Amino acid sequence: MNRGNRAESANTLHIHRATMIYRIEKIETIMGVDLNDTYTMHHSYLSFMILKLINKLNFELY
């Protein structure tokens, strides 16, 4: 997320900054986490990278 810069991330995704903030707050509410927390962000990033690797390995097996 552009190192936590939500305005820059919104620009990268071509969405309004308010939309970006709304979506992040909604994700935080649903997941019950604070995405400003370094540990949470690291854990989330690592989880997505593991899922990406698993999907890649599954694709290569079939």
C-alpha atoms as a PDB file:
ATOM      1  CA  MET A   1       0.000   0.000   0.000  1.00  0.00           C
ATOM      2  CA  ASN A   2       2.725   2.453  -0.907  1.00  0.00           C
ATOM      3  CA  ARG A   3       4.246   2.233   2.570  1.00  0.00           C
ATOM      4  CA  GLY A   4       1.025   3.257   4.301  1.00  0.00           C
ATOM      5  CA  ASN A   5       0.376   6.340   2.186  1.00  0.00           C
ATOM      6  CA  ARG A   6      -3.332   5.951   1.483  1.00  0.00           C
ATOM      7  CA  ALA A   7      -3.554   8.956  -0.840  1.00  0.00           C
ATOM      8  CA  GLU A   8      -0.729   7.600  -2.982  1.00  0.00           C
ATOM      9  CA  SER A   9      -2.294   4.134  -2.956  1.00  0.00           C
ATOM     10  CA  ALA A  10      -5.634   5.556  -4.057  1.00  0.00           C
ATOM     11  CA  ASN A  11      -3.886   7.372  -6.893  1.00  0.00           C
ATOM     12  CA  THR A  12      -2.121   4.147  -7.934  1.00  0.00           C
ATOM     13  CA  LEU A  13      -5.456   2.280  -7.943  1.00  0.00           C
ATOM     14  CA  HIS A  14      -7.202   5.161  -9.765  1.00  0.00           C
ATOM     15  CA  ILE A  15      -9.821   5.605  -7.045  1.00  0.00           C
ATOM     16  CA  HIS A  16     -10.764   8.583  -4.888  1.00  0.00           C
ATOM     17  CA  ARG A  17      -8.887   8.933  -1.603  1.00  0.00           C
ATOM     18  CA  ALA A  18     -12.158   8.853   0.366  1.00  0.00           C
ATOM     19  CA  THR A  19     -13.067   5.566  -1.332  1.00  0.00           C
ATOM     20  CA  MET A  20      -9.706   4.114  -0.354  1.00  0.00           C
ATOM     21  CA  ILE A  21     -10.142   5.163   3.268  1.00  0.00           C
ATOM     22  CA  TYR A  22     -13.713   3.790   3.345  1.00  0.00           C
ATOM     23  CA  ARG A  23     -12.632   0.422   1.951  1.00  0.00           C
ATOM     24  CA  ILE A  24      -9.706   0.095   4.354  1.00  0.00           C
ATOM     25  CA  GLU A  25     -11.943   0.953   7.316  1.00  0.00           C
ATOM     26  CA  LYS A  26     -14.495  -1.617   6.134  1.00  0.00           C
ATOM     27  CA  ILE A  27     -11.772  -4.301   5.867  1.00  0.00           C
ATOM     28  CA  GLU A  28     -10.534  -3.398   9.356  1.00  0.00           C
ATOM     29  CA  THR A  29     -14.068  -3.683  10.755  1.00  0.00           C
ATOM     30  CA  ILE A  30     -14.805  -7.025   9.093  1.00  0.00           C
ATOM     31  CA  MET A  31     -11.440  -8.520  10.042  1.00  0.00           C
ATOM     32  CA  GLY A  32     -11.265  -6.878  13.459  1.00  0.00           C
ATOM     33  CA  VAL A  33      -7.730  -5.595  12.873  1.00  0.00           C
ATOM     34  CA  ASP A  34      -5.864  -2.295  12.690  1.00  0.00           C
ATOM     35  CA  LEU A  35      -4.053  -2.050   9.361  1.00  0.00           C
ATOM     36  CA  ASN A  36      -1.884   0.763  10.758  1.00  0.00           C
ATOM     37  CA  ASP A  37      -0.261  -1.787  13.067  1.00  0.00           C
ATOM     38  CA  THR A  38       3.107  -2.909  11.685  1.00  0.00           C
ATOM     39  CA  TYR A  39       2.730  -6.483  12.962  1.00  0.00           C
ATOM     40  CA  THR A  40      -0.718  -6.814  11.378  1.00  0.00           C
ATOM     41  CA  MET A  41       0.507  -5.456   8.044  1.00  0.00           C
ATOM     42  CA  HIS A  42       3.523  -7.780   8.051  1.00  0.00           C
ATOM     43  CA  HIS A  43       1.373 -10.776   8.969  1.00  0.00           C
ATOM     44  CA  SER A  44      -1.179  -9.928   6.249  1.00  0.00           C
ATOM     45  CA  TYR A  45       1.508  -9.454   3.608  1.00  0.00           C
ATOM     46  CA  LEU A  46       3.197 -12.722   4.527  1.00  0.00           C
ATOM     47  CA  SER A  47      -0.154 -14.544   4.445  1.00  0.00           C
ATOM     48  CA  PHE A  48      -0.897 -13.252   0.938  1.00  0.00           C
ATOM     49  CA  MET A  49       2.557 -14.263  -0.277  1.00  0.00           C
ATOM     50  CA  ILE A  50       2.038 -17.782   1.115  1.00  0.00           C
ATOM     51  CA  LEU A  51      -1.355 -18.022  -0.617  1.00  0.00           C
ATOM     52  CA  LYS A  52       0.228 -16.836  -3.858  1.00  0.00           C
ATOM     53  CA  LEU A  53       2.914 -19.526  -3.571  1.00  0.00           C
ATOM     54  CA  ILE A  54       0.347 -22.248  -2.780  1.00  0.00           C
ATOM     55  CA  ASN A  55      -1.746 -21.238  -5.795  1.00  0.00           C
ATOM     56  CA  LYS A  56       1.319 -21.269  -8.012  1.00  0.00           C
ATOM     57  CA  LEU A  57       2.342 -24.732  -6.773  1.00  0.00           C
ATOM     58  CA  ASN A  58      -1.192 -26.086  -7.223  1.00  0.00           C
ATOM     59  CA  PHE A  59      -1.312 -24.740 -10.765  1.00  0.00           C
ATOM     60  CA  GLU A  60       2.031 -26.360 -11.626  1.00  0.00           C
ATOM     61  CA  LEU A  61       0.862 -29.724 -10.260  1.00  0.00           C
ATOM     62  CA  TYR A  62      -2.110 -29.895 -12.644  1.00  0.00           C
END
